[in-house]
Structure formats: C-alpha cells, structure tokens
Amino acid sequence: MHDLVGELSTRSSEFRGCWGNHDVRLHGAGSKLFHHAVVGDLDLAYESVDMISDPGLTLTIYAAEPGSPTAHALDLLASWEATRLAEVKAADAAGATLVVASHSRATPLTESDPTAPKER
C-alpha cells in the first residue's frame, strides 16, 4: 500500500493534494454487498449526493446492473410484493381480513425481521 501511495503521489499533483488533506477517505460512489434472507446476495452500485438545499442531508441511490443476478433478484422481490399487495387489496374490497406475514411499508424494518436485507 505504501508503495502505491508513493507512486500515485509522484505521478499526480491532484492525488498528492487529496492525500495530504486526507480527502481520500471520503467517497460518494461504489458498490455494497447485501444479503437478503429470501433472494440471497445483492450487489448494488451506489452514489451519494449531498443535498445543497439541506446541509447535512445526503441522498444515496442504489442500483443493480441491468440483467445481473441482483437485478433479477430485485425483480422477484418486486413481483412478490405486488402479488401480496393485490391480495390485500382484493381482501379489503371483499370486506375480508387478510393476515400477511410481511410488514407494512410504514413500519421500519428491524434486525429481527428475517426478510430485511442486511449489509455485509
């Protein structure tokens, strides 16, 4: 690592300045691996953007590579949720009560929720 930093420092004044200011620790893009109990591993690219209108607030956007196993896993989860919501809507329209195993969208996911994705 030391050799790499030395080489980059000699070749790039921009890197030298960032390294000297310790700005290299901050990054706003990359990828993260999550594990979901139902669909398995999710490899998502992310980008974080500081919101100028609200200092201290950061918007982080996650996306899957189109056609990737992660994209297919997210499609499966979306289909699963759409089916569940349709069942709830149909039960409501019929005046019935449908008991579902998943949480409402308004309920924050907790560590005890086996279907909540966990960052690896």
Protein backbone atom coordinates (compact mmCIF):
# COMPACT_ATOMS: atom_id res chain seq x y z
CA MET A 1 0.00 0.00 0.00
CA HIS A 2 2.83 2.34 0.92
CA ASP A 3 4.46 1.83 -2.49
CA LEU A 4 1.18 2.51 -4.31
CA VAL A 5 0.61 5.76 -2.41
CA GLY A 6 4.18 6.79 -3.15
CA GLU A 7 3.82 6.09 -6.86
CA LEU A 8 0.49 7.91 -7.13
CA SER A 9 1.90 10.86 -5.20
CA THR A 10 4.81 11.23 -7.60
CA ARG A 11 2.59 11.00 -10.70
CA SER A 12 -0.40 13.13 -9.69
CA SER A 13 -0.43 16.51 -8.01
CA GLU A 14 -4.21 16.13 -7.52
CA PHE A 15 -3.72 12.82 -5.66
CA ARG A 16 -0.88 14.34 -3.64
CA GLY A 17 -3.16 17.21 -2.56
CA CYS A 18 -6.07 14.92 -1.68
CA TRP A 19 -3.83 12.52 0.22
CA GLY A 20 -2.21 15.40 2.09
CA ASN A 21 -5.63 16.82 3.02
CA HIS A 22 -6.95 13.34 3.90
CA ASP A 23 -9.82 13.87 1.45
CA VAL A 24 -9.23 10.39 0.05
CA ARG A 25 -11.17 8.81 2.93
CA LEU A 26 -14.43 10.25 1.64
CA HIS A 27 -16.10 8.65 -1.34
CA GLY A 28 -19.54 9.10 -2.75
CA ALA A 29 -19.80 6.10 -5.05
CA GLY A 30 -19.01 2.42 -5.08
CA SER A 31 -20.72 -0.89 -4.54
CA LYS A 32 -22.10 -2.65 -1.50
CA LEU A 33 -22.99 -6.27 -0.94
CA PHE A 34 -26.20 -7.01 0.96
CA HIS A 35 -27.69 -10.35 1.89
CA HIS A 36 -31.47 -10.83 1.77
CA ALA A 37 -32.91 -13.88 3.52
CA VAL A 38 -35.21 -14.74 0.61
CA VAL A 39 -33.27 -13.91 -2.57
CA GLY A 40 -29.69 -14.09 -1.30
CA ASP A 41 -26.83 -11.76 -2.14
CA LEU A 42 -27.50 -8.36 -3.72
CA ASP A 43 -24.56 -6.48 -5.24
CA LEU A 44 -25.67 -2.86 -5.63
CA ALA A 45 -23.82 0.13 -7.03
CA TYR A 46 -24.42 3.32 -5.09
CA GLU A 47 -23.87 7.03 -5.40
CA SER A 48 -24.29 9.54 -2.58
CA VAL A 49 -25.15 13.17 -3.26
CA ASP A 50 -25.09 15.94 -0.65
CA MET A 51 -28.30 17.97 -0.78
CA ILE A 52 -27.37 21.63 -1.16
CA SER A 53 -30.82 22.78 0.00
CA ASP A 54 -30.49 20.92 3.32
CA PRO A 55 -26.91 20.86 4.68
CA GLY A 56 -26.05 17.60 6.38
CA LEU A 57 -28.60 15.62 4.34
CA THR A 58 -27.24 13.07 1.88
CA LEU A 59 -29.25 11.20 -0.74
CA THR A 60 -27.89 7.73 -1.52
CA ILE A 61 -29.11 5.97 -4.65
CA TYR A 62 -28.65 2.22 -5.12
CA ALA A 63 -28.94 0.46 -8.49
CA ALA A 64 -28.41 -3.02 -9.87
CA GLU A 65 -26.60 -3.70 -13.13
CA PRO A 66 -29.32 -4.44 -15.72
CA GLY A 67 -29.61 -8.16 -16.46
CA SER A 68 -27.45 -9.10 -13.46
CA PRO A 69 -28.42 -11.73 -10.87
CA THR A 70 -29.08 -8.83 -8.48
CA ALA A 71 -31.47 -7.19 -10.96
CA HIS A 72 -33.34 -10.49 -11.31
CA ALA A 73 -33.50 -10.87 -7.51
CA LEU A 74 -34.94 -7.36 -7.16
CA ASP A 75 -37.49 -8.11 -9.90
CA LEU A 76 -38.52 -11.22 -7.96
CA LEU A 77 -38.96 -9.19 -4.76
CA ALA A 78 -40.97 -6.53 -6.62
CA SER A 79 -43.23 -9.20 -8.13
CA TRP A 80 -43.65 -10.87 -4.75
CA GLU A 81 -44.65 -7.54 -3.12
CA ALA A 82 -47.02 -6.64 -5.99
CA THR A 83 -48.76 -10.00 -5.59
CA ARG A 84 -49.05 -9.51 -1.83
CA LEU A 85 -50.48 -6.01 -2.26
CA ALA A 86 -53.02 -7.25 -4.83
CA GLU A 87 -54.15 -9.95 -2.37
CA VAL A 88 -54.55 -7.37 0.40
CA LYS A 89 -56.49 -5.02 -1.90
CA ALA A 90 -58.80 -7.82 -3.04
CA ALA A 91 -59.43 -8.90 0.55
CA ASP A 92 -60.17 -5.29 1.56
CA ALA A 93 -62.61 -4.91 -1.35
CA ALA A 94 -64.40 -8.10 -0.29
CA GLY A 95 -64.58 -6.91 3.31
CA ALA A 96 -62.37 -9.74 4.50
CA THR A 97 -59.34 -9.55 6.72
CA LEU A 98 -56.18 -10.98 5.21
CA VAL A 99 -53.31 -11.79 7.53
CA VAL A 100 -49.95 -11.33 5.84
CA ALA A 101 -46.51 -12.24 7.10
CA SER A 102 -44.65 -9.17 5.88
CA HIS A 103 -44.56 -5.69 7.39
CA SER A 104 -46.48 -2.66 6.21
CA ARG A 105 -44.42 -0.19 4.17
CA ALA A 106 -44.78 2.32 7.01
CA THR A 107 -43.13 0.01 9.53
CA PRO A 108 -39.36 0.33 9.75
CA LEU A 109 -37.52 -2.94 9.27
CA THR A 110 -35.69 -4.21 12.31
CA GLU A 111 -32.82 -6.59 12.84
CA SER A 112 -35.32 -9.26 13.92
CA ASP A 113 -37.10 -9.18 10.54
CA PRO A 114 -35.81 -12.25 8.65
CA THR A 115 -36.76 -10.74 5.26
CA ALA A 116 -34.89 -7.45 5.83
CA PRO A 117 -31.72 -7.11 3.75
CA LYS A 118 -28.56 -6.96 5.82
CA GLU A 119 -25.42 -5.16 4.72
CA ARG A 120 -22.39 -7.41 4.54
